[in-house]
Amino acid sequence: IFKTKSFTMYPNPTTSIINFESPNNSKIEKVVISELTGKTLIKLTENTKRIDIQNLSKGLYLIEVYFDNEKFIGKFLKE
């Protein structure tokens, strides 16, 4: 689980799904998943509480989540 005072992402590490909880159930505006090199692999621009990452190879990834004029940046491990 990765948690800040305003955002939670779990499970981490994961094998297939990442779940999000934003403060006060704020609308998640955009999710971007990238390789460590910066290459974008997944970009969603819809309100979502979870994202399917089954198609990604095992490894470490960067994730950016945008909500309520805030930006969360973190990492997750795909097993």
PDB file of N, CA and C in Angstrom:
ATOM      1  N   ILE A   1       0.853  -1.188   0.000  1.00  0.00           N
ATOM      2  CA  ILE A   1       0.000   0.000   0.000  1.00  0.00           C
ATOM      3  C   ILE A   1       0.883   1.230   0.000  1.00  0.00           C
ATOM      4  N   PHE A   2       0.566   2.171  -0.881  1.00  0.00           N
ATOM      5  CA  PHE A   2       1.237   3.465  -0.887  1.00  0.00           C
ATOM      6  C   PHE A   2       0.190   4.481  -0.498  1.00  0.00           C
ATOM      7  N   LYS A   3       0.458   5.266   0.548  1.00  0.00           N
ATOM      8  CA  LYS A   3      -0.546   6.201   1.039  1.00  0.00           C
ATOM      9  C   LYS A   3       0.087   7.528   1.405  1.00  0.00           C
ATOM     10  N   THR A   4      -0.522   8.607   0.933  1.00  0.00           N
ATOM     11  CA  THR A   4      -0.184   9.944   1.392  1.00  0.00           C
ATOM     12  C   THR A   4      -1.403  10.425   2.165  1.00  0.00           C
ATOM     13  N   LYS A   5      -1.354  11.620   2.708  1.00  0.00           N
ATOM     14  CA  LYS A   5      -2.518  12.071   3.472  1.00  0.00           C
ATOM     15  C   LYS A   5      -3.737  12.289   2.585  1.00  0.00           C
ATOM     16  N   SER A   6      -3.518  12.330   1.262  1.00  0.00           N
ATOM     17  CA  SER A   6      -4.654  12.584   0.390  1.00  0.00           C
ATOM     18  C   SER A   6      -4.878  11.534  -0.699  1.00  0.00           C
ATOM     19  N   PHE A   7      -4.064  10.481  -0.737  1.00  0.00           N
ATOM     20  CA  PHE A   7      -4.192   9.522  -1.831  1.00  0.00           C
ATOM     21  C   PHE A   7      -3.672   8.155  -1.399  1.00  0.00           C
ATOM     22  N   THR A   8      -4.363   7.082  -1.829  1.00  0.00           N
ATOM     23  CA  THR A   8      -3.940   5.713  -1.539  1.00  0.00           C
ATOM     24  C   THR A   8      -3.933   4.903  -2.832  1.00  0.00           C
ATOM     25  N   MET A   9      -2.875   4.112  -3.023  1.00  0.00           N
ATOM     26  CA  MET A   9      -2.757   3.208  -4.163  1.00  0.00           C
ATOM     27  C   MET A   9      -2.369   1.837  -3.622  1.00  0.00           C
ATOM     28  N   TYR A  10      -3.100   0.774  -4.031  1.00  0.00           N
ATOM     29  CA  TYR A  10      -2.827  -0.571  -3.525  1.00  0.00           C
ATOM     30  C   TYR A  10      -3.326  -1.618  -4.509  1.00  0.00           C
ATOM     31  N   PRO A  11      -2.890  -2.866  -4.481  1.00  0.00           N
ATOM     32  CA  PRO A  11      -1.723  -3.363  -3.739  1.00  0.00           C
ATOM     33  C   PRO A  11      -0.438  -2.998  -4.466  1.00  0.00           C
ATOM     34  N   ASN A  12       0.637  -3.012  -3.745  1.00  0.00           N
ATOM     35  CA  ASN A  12       1.950  -2.736  -4.329  1.00  0.00           C
ATOM     36  C   ASN A  12       2.975  -3.533  -3.531  1.00  0.00           C
ATOM     37  N   PRO A  13       3.551  -4.573  -4.115  1.00  0.00           N
ATOM     38  CA  PRO A  13       3.512  -5.003  -5.523  1.00  0.00           C
ATOM     39  C   PRO A  13       2.167  -5.610  -5.898  1.00  0.00           C
ATOM     40  N   THR A  14       1.940  -5.720  -7.217  1.00  0.00           N
ATOM     41  CA  THR A  14       0.696  -6.243  -7.744  1.00  0.00           C
ATOM     42  C   THR A  14       0.969  -7.167  -8.921  1.00  0.00           C
ATOM     43  N   THR A  15      -0.033  -7.958  -9.283  1.00  0.00           N
ATOM     44  CA  THR A  15       0.099  -8.838 -10.443  1.00  0.00           C
ATOM     45  C   THR A  15      -0.858  -8.465 -11.568  1.00  0.00           C
ATOM     46  N   SER A  16      -1.966  -7.768 -11.226  1.00  0.00           N
ATOM     47  CA  SER A  16      -2.941  -7.497 -12.285  1.00  0.00           C
ATOM     48  C   SER A  16      -3.730  -6.199 -12.153  1.00  0.00           C
ATOM     49  N   ILE A  17      -4.047  -5.766 -10.951  1.00  0.00           N
ATOM     50  CA  ILE A  17      -4.914  -4.599 -10.755  1.00  0.00           C
ATOM     51  C   ILE A  17      -4.275  -3.638  -9.762  1.00  0.00           C
ATOM     52  N   ILE A  18      -4.417  -2.324 -10.022  1.00  0.00           N
ATOM     53  CA  ILE A  18      -4.050  -1.294  -9.047  1.00  0.00           C
ATOM     54  C   ILE A  18      -5.337  -0.551  -8.706  1.00  0.00           C
ATOM     55  N   ASN A  19      -5.595  -0.382  -7.411  1.00  0.00           N
ATOM     56  CA  ASN A  19      -6.767   0.342  -6.930  1.00  0.00           C
ATOM     57  C   ASN A  19      -6.341   1.711  -6.412  1.00  0.00           C
ATOM     58  N   PHE A  20      -7.248   2.699  -6.539  1.00  0.00           N
ATOM     59  CA  PHE A  20      -6.985   4.059  -6.087  1.00  0.00           C
ATOM     60  C   PHE A  20      -8.076   4.513  -5.130  1.00  0.00           C
ATOM     61  N   GLU A  21      -7.685   5.310  -4.158  1.00  0.00           N
ATOM     62  CA  GLU A  21      -8.634   6.014  -3.307  1.00  0.00           C
ATOM     63  C   GLU A  21      -8.150   7.450  -3.194  1.00  0.00           C
ATOM     64  N   SER A  22      -8.964   8.368  -3.683  1.00  0.00           N
ATOM     65  CA  SER A  22      -8.617   9.785  -3.612  1.00  0.00           C
ATOM     66  C   SER A  22      -9.400  10.426  -2.466  1.00  0.00           C
ATOM     67  N   PRO A  23      -8.939  11.560  -1.986  1.00  0.00           N
ATOM     68  CA  PRO A  23      -9.606  12.199  -0.850  1.00  0.00           C
ATOM     69  C   PRO A  23     -11.043  12.593  -1.194  1.00  0.00           C
ATOM     70  N   ASN A  24     -11.935  12.347  -0.266  1.00  0.00           N
ATOM     71  CA  ASN A  24     -13.356  12.705  -0.442  1.00  0.00           C
ATOM     72  C   ASN A  24     -13.927  12.168  -1.748  1.00  0.00           C
ATOM     73  N   ASN A  25     -13.413  11.001  -2.182  1.00  0.00           N
ATOM     74  CA  ASN A  25     -13.839  10.391  -3.442  1.00  0.00           C
ATOM     75  C   ASN A  25     -13.745  11.361  -4.617  1.00  0.00           C
ATOM     76  N   SER A  26     -12.685  12.158  -4.634  1.00  0.00           N
ATOM     77  CA  SER A  26     -12.454  13.107  -5.724  1.00  0.00           C
ATOM     78  C   SER A  26     -12.368  12.369  -7.049  1.00  0.00           C
ATOM     79  N   LYS A  27     -12.795  13.033  -8.099  1.00  0.00           N
ATOM     80  CA  LYS A  27     -12.739  12.457  -9.438  1.00  0.00           C
ATOM     81  C   LYS A  27     -11.285  12.362  -9.892  1.00  0.00           C
ATOM     82  N   ILE A  28     -10.880  11.179 -10.312  1.00  0.00           N
ATOM     83  CA  ILE A  28      -9.542  10.993 -10.877  1.00  0.00           C
ATOM     84  C   ILE A  28      -9.629  11.352 -12.351  1.00  0.00           C
ATOM     85  N   GLU A  29      -8.858  12.372 -12.741  1.00  0.00           N
ATOM     86  CA  GLU A  29      -8.959  12.926 -14.089  1.00  0.00           C
ATOM     87  C   GLU A  29      -8.087  12.220 -15.109  1.00  0.00           C
ATOM     88  N   LYS A  30      -6.916  11.741 -14.664  1.00  0.00           N
ATOM     89  CA  LYS A  30      -5.995  11.116 -15.619  1.00  0.00           C
ATOM     90  C   LYS A  30      -5.040  10.204 -14.864  1.00  0.00           C
ATOM     91  N   VAL A  31      -4.696   9.069 -15.492  1.00  0.00           N
ATOM     92  CA  VAL A  31      -3.697   8.142 -14.962  1.00  0.00           C
ATOM     93  C   VAL A  31      -2.709   7.853 -16.079  1.00  0.00           C
ATOM     94  N   VAL A  32      -1.413   8.002 -15.783  1.00  0.00           N
ATOM     95  CA  VAL A  32      -0.360   7.726 -16.764  1.00  0.00           C
ATOM     96  C   VAL A  32       0.624   6.745 -16.136  1.00  0.00           C
ATOM     97  N   ILE A  33       0.867   5.627 -16.815  1.00  0.00           N
ATOM     98  CA  ILE A  33       1.855   4.638 -16.377  1.00  0.00           C
ATOM     99  C   ILE A  33       2.981   4.633 -17.394  1.00  0.00           C
ATOM    100  N   SER A  34       4.221   4.743 -16.891  1.00  0.00           N
ATOM    101  CA  SER A  34       5.398   4.827 -17.760  1.00  0.00           C
ATOM    102  C   SER A  34       6.478   3.863 -17.306  1.00  0.00           C
ATOM    103  N   GLU A  35       7.349   3.526 -18.264  1.00  0.00           N
ATOM    104  CA  GLU A  35       8.575   2.810 -17.914  1.00  0.00           C
ATOM    105  C   GLU A  35       9.489   3.784 -17.187  1.00  0.00           C
ATOM    106  N   LEU A  36      10.524   3.285 -16.530  1.00  0.00           N
ATOM    107  CA  LEU A  36      11.468   4.161 -15.837  1.00  0.00           C
ATOM    108  C   LEU A  36      12.209   5.077 -16.807  1.00  0.00           C
ATOM    109  N   THR A  37      12.241   4.708 -18.086  1.00  0.00           N
ATOM    110  CA  THR A  37      12.877   5.539 -19.106  1.00  0.00           C
ATOM    111  C   THR A  37      12.020   6.742 -19.482  1.00  0.00           C
ATOM    112  N   GLY A  38      10.752   6.731 -19.047  1.00  0.00           N
ATOM    113  CA  GLY A  38       9.839   7.818 -19.358  1.00  0.00           C
ATOM    114  C   GLY A  38       8.854   7.502 -20.466  1.00  0.00           C
ATOM    115  N   LYS A  39       8.997   6.355 -21.128  1.00  0.00           N
ATOM    116  CA  LYS A  39       8.085   5.972 -22.208  1.00  0.00           C
ATOM    117  C   LYS A  39       6.704   5.663 -21.627  1.00  0.00           C
ATOM    118  N   THR A  40       5.672   6.361 -22.122  1.00  0.00           N
ATOM    119  CA  THR A  40       4.300   6.149 -21.659  1.00  0.00           C
ATOM    120  C   THR A  40       3.753   4.841 -22.211  1.00  0.00           C
ATOM    121  N   LEU A  41       3.198   4.010 -21.317  1.00  0.00           N
ATOM    122  CA  LEU A  41       2.630   2.721 -21.711  1.00  0.00           C
ATOM    123  C   LEU A  41       1.107   2.724 -21.649  1.00  0.00           C
ATOM    124  N   ILE A  42       0.555   3.381 -20.646  1.00  0.00           N
ATOM    125  CA  ILE A  42      -0.896   3.451 -20.458  1.00  0.00           C
ATOM    126  C   ILE A  42      -1.263   4.879 -20.100  1.00  0.00           C
ATOM    127  N   LYS A  43      -2.306   5.394 -20.746  1.00  0.00           N
ATOM    128  CA  LYS A  43      -2.806   6.730 -20.412  1.00  0.00           C
ATOM    129  C   LYS A  43      -4.327   6.677 -20.440  1.00  0.00           C
ATOM    130  N   LEU A  44      -4.925   6.890 -19.281  1.00  0.00           N
ATOM    131  CA  LEU A  44      -6.382   6.904 -19.165  1.00  0.00           C
ATOM    132  C   LEU A  44      -6.836   8.305 -18.818  1.00  0.00           C
ATOM    133  N   THR A  45      -7.910   8.764 -19.452  1.00  0.00           N
ATOM    134  CA  THR A  45      -8.442  10.090 -19.151  1.00  0.00           C
ATOM    135  C   THR A  45      -9.906   9.972 -18.741  1.00  0.00           C
ATOM    136  N   GLU A  46     -10.190   8.970 -17.942  1.00  0.00           N
ATOM    137  CA  GLU A  46     -11.546   8.772 -17.451  1.00  0.00           C
ATOM    138  C   GLU A  46     -11.493   8.587 -15.943  1.00  0.00           C
ATOM    139  N   ASN A  47     -12.586   8.879 -15.281  1.00  0.00           N
ATOM    140  CA  ASN A  47     -12.652   8.698 -13.841  1.00  0.00           C
ATOM    141  C   ASN A  47     -12.644   7.202 -13.546  1.00  0.00           C
ATOM    142  N   THR A  48     -11.655   6.748 -12.801  1.00  0.00           N
ATOM    143  CA  THR A  48     -11.533   5.333 -12.502  1.00  0.00           C
ATOM    144  C   THR A  48     -11.037   5.148 -11.080  1.00  0.00           C
ATOM    145  N   LYS A  49     -11.377   4.022 -10.499  1.00  0.00           N
ATOM    146  CA  LYS A  49     -10.887   3.672  -9.164  1.00  0.00           C
ATOM    147  C   LYS A  49      -9.933   2.483  -9.232  1.00  0.00           C
ATOM    148  N   ARG A  50      -9.731   1.942 -10.458  1.00  0.00           N
ATOM    149  CA  ARG A  50      -8.818   0.813 -10.630  1.00  0.00           C
ATOM    150  C   ARG A  50      -8.331   0.757 -12.066  1.00  0.00           C
ATOM    151  N   ILE A  51      -7.170   0.131 -12.225  1.00  0.00           N
ATOM    152  CA  ILE A  51      -6.599   0.005 -13.566  1.00  0.00           C
ATOM    153  C   ILE A  51      -6.011  -1.396 -13.715  1.00  0.00           C
ATOM    154  N   ASP A  52      -6.268  -1.993 -14.867  1.00  0.00           N
ATOM    155  CA  ASP A  52      -5.797  -3.348 -15.171  1.00  0.00           C
ATOM    156  C   ASP A  52      -4.415  -3.247 -15.805  1.00  0.00           C
ATOM    157  N   ILE A  53      -3.426  -3.889 -15.175  1.00  0.00           N
ATOM    158  CA  ILE A  53      -2.058  -3.853 -15.703  1.00  0.00           C
ATOM    159  C   ILE A  53      -1.547  -5.255 -16.048  1.00  0.00           C
ATOM    160  N   GLN A  54      -2.465  -6.203 -16.264  1.00  0.00           N
ATOM    161  CA  GLN A  54      -2.069  -7.582 -16.567  1.00  0.00           C
ATOM    162  C   GLN A  54      -1.154  -7.689 -17.773  1.00  0.00           C
ATOM    163  N   ASN A  55      -1.321  -6.800 -18.742  1.00  0.00           N
ATOM    164  CA  ASN A  55      -0.552  -6.883 -19.985  1.00  0.00           C
ATOM    165  C   ASN A  55       0.864  -6.323 -19.870  1.00  0.00           C
ATOM    166  N   LEU A  56       1.188  -5.692 -18.749  1.00  0.00           N
ATOM    167  CA  LEU A  56       2.548  -5.180 -18.564  1.00  0.00           C
ATOM    168  C   LEU A  56       3.496  -6.312 -18.167  1.00  0.00           C
ATOM    169  N   SER A  57       4.740  -6.195 -18.586  1.00  0.00           N
ATOM    170  CA  SER A  57       5.766  -7.168 -18.183  1.00  0.00           C
ATOM    171  C   SER A  57       6.122  -6.947 -16.717  1.00  0.00           C
ATOM    172  N   LYS A  58       6.717  -7.954 -16.103  1.00  0.00           N
ATOM    173  CA  LYS A  58       7.172  -7.804 -14.725  1.00  0.00           C
ATOM    174  C   LYS A  58       8.223  -6.708 -14.668  1.00  0.00           C
ATOM    175  N   GLY A  59       8.163  -5.884 -13.615  1.00  0.00           N
ATOM    176  CA  GLY A  59       9.149  -4.827 -13.474  1.00  0.00           C
ATOM    177  C   GLY A  59       8.630  -3.658 -12.667  1.00  0.00           C
ATOM    178  N   LEU A  60       9.444  -2.607 -12.595  1.00  0.00           N
ATOM    179  CA  LEU A  60       9.133  -1.400 -11.842  1.00  0.00           C
ATOM    180  C   LEU A  60       8.622  -0.326 -12.805  1.00  0.00           C
ATOM    181  N   TYR A  61       7.541   0.341 -12.426  1.00  0.00           N
ATOM    182  CA  TYR A  61       6.909   1.347 -13.277  1.00  0.00           C
ATOM    183  C   TYR A  61       6.637   2.625 -12.496  1.00  0.00           C
ATOM    184  N   LEU A  62       6.555   3.736 -13.226  1.00  0.00           N
ATOM    185  CA  LEU A  62       6.149   5.017 -12.657  1.00  0.00           C
ATOM    186  C   LEU A  62       4.662   5.199 -12.916  1.00  0.00           C
ATOM    187  N   ILE A  63       3.978   5.847 -11.972  1.00  0.00           N
ATOM    188  CA  ILE A  63       2.560   6.139 -12.155  1.00  0.00           C
ATOM    189  C   ILE A  63       2.291   7.573 -11.734  1.00  0.00           C
ATOM    190  N   GLU A  64       1.503   8.267 -12.536  1.00  0.00           N
ATOM    191  CA  GLU A  64       1.063   9.630 -12.226  1.00  0.00           C
ATOM    192  C   GLU A  64      -0.456   9.600 -12.207  1.00  0.00           C
ATOM    193  N   VAL A  65      -1.042  10.137 -11.135  1.00  0.00           N
ATOM    194  CA  VAL A  65      -2.492  10.207 -11.019  1.00  0.00           C
ATOM    195  C   VAL A  65      -2.868  11.663 -10.764  1.00  0.00           C
ATOM    196  N   TYR A  66      -3.774  12.184 -11.566  1.00  0.00           N
ATOM    197  CA  TYR A  66      -4.207  13.577 -11.467  1.00  0.00           C
ATOM    198  C   TYR A  66      -5.633  13.628 -10.923  1.00  0.00           C
ATOM    199  N   PHE A  67      -5.859  14.452  -9.889  1.00  0.00           N
ATOM    200  CA  PHE A  67      -7.187  14.623  -9.309  1.00  0.00           C
ATOM    201  C   PHE A  67      -7.248  15.949  -8.572  1.00  0.00           C
ATOM    202  N   ASP A  68      -8.378  16.642  -8.666  1.00  0.00           N
ATOM    203  CA  ASP A  68      -8.603  17.906  -7.951  1.00  0.00           C
ATOM    204  C   ASP A  68      -7.412  18.857  -8.015  1.00  0.00           C
ATOM    205  N   ASN A  69      -6.871  19.069  -9.194  1.00  0.00           N
ATOM    206  CA  ASN A  69      -5.715  19.956  -9.386  1.00  0.00           C
ATOM    207  C   ASN A  69      -4.495  19.525  -8.592  1.00  0.00           C
ATOM    208  N   GLU A  70      -4.426  18.249  -8.253  1.00  0.00           N
ATOM    209  CA  GLU A  70      -3.249  17.676  -7.587  1.00  0.00           C
ATOM    210  C   GLU A  70      -2.679  16.592  -8.482  1.00  0.00           C
ATOM    211  N   LYS A  71      -1.402  16.280  -8.227  1.00  0.00           N
ATOM    212  CA  LYS A  71      -0.732  15.242  -9.003  1.00  0.00           C
ATOM    213  C   LYS A  71       0.016  14.342  -8.033  1.00  0.00           C
ATOM    214  N   PHE A  72      -0.317  13.042  -8.062  1.00  0.00           N
ATOM    215  CA  PHE A  72       0.392  12.042  -7.273  1.00  0.00           C
ATOM    216  C   PHE A  72       1.373  11.353  -8.209  1.00  0.00           C
ATOM    217  N   ILE A  73       2.613  11.225  -7.790  1.00  0.00           N
ATOM    218  CA  ILE A  73       3.623  10.494  -8.545  1.00  0.00           C
ATOM    219  C   ILE A  73       4.175   9.396  -7.660  1.00  0.00           C
ATOM    220  N   GLY A  74       4.198   8.169  -8.154  1.00  0.00           N
ATOM    221  CA  GLY A  74       4.713   7.059  -7.365  1.00  0.00           C
ATOM    222  C   GLY A  74       5.289   5.986  -8.256  1.00  0.00           C
ATOM    223  N   LYS A  75       5.668   4.882  -7.633  1.00  0.00           N
ATOM    224  CA  LYS A  75       6.192   3.724  -8.341  1.00  0.00           C
ATOM    225  C   LYS A  75       5.420   2.509  -7.883  1.00  0.00           C
ATOM    226  N   PHE A  76       5.343   1.503  -8.750  1.00  0.00           N
ATOM    227  CA  PHE A  76       4.775   0.228  -8.331  1.00  0.00           C
ATOM    228  C   PHE A  76       5.542  -0.894  -9.010  1.00  0.00           C
ATOM    229  N   LEU A  77       5.485  -2.049  -8.385  1.00  0.00           N
ATOM    230  CA  LEU A  77       6.164  -3.238  -8.889  1.00  0.00           C
ATOM    231  C   LEU A  77       5.133  -4.200  -9.427  1.00  0.00           C
ATOM    232  N   LYS A  78       5.284  -4.600 -10.700  1.00  0.00           N
ATOM    233  CA  LYS A  78       4.432  -5.624 -11.319  1.00  0.00           C
ATOM    234  C   LYS A  78       5.180  -6.936 -11.172  1.00  0.00           C
ATOM    235  N   GLU A  79       4.542  -7.893 -10.503  1.00  0.00           N
ATOM    236  CA  GLU A  79       5.148  -9.220 -10.305  1.00  0.00           C
ATOM    237  C   GLU A  79       4.664 -10.209 -11.317  1.00  0.00           C
TER     238      GLU A  79
END
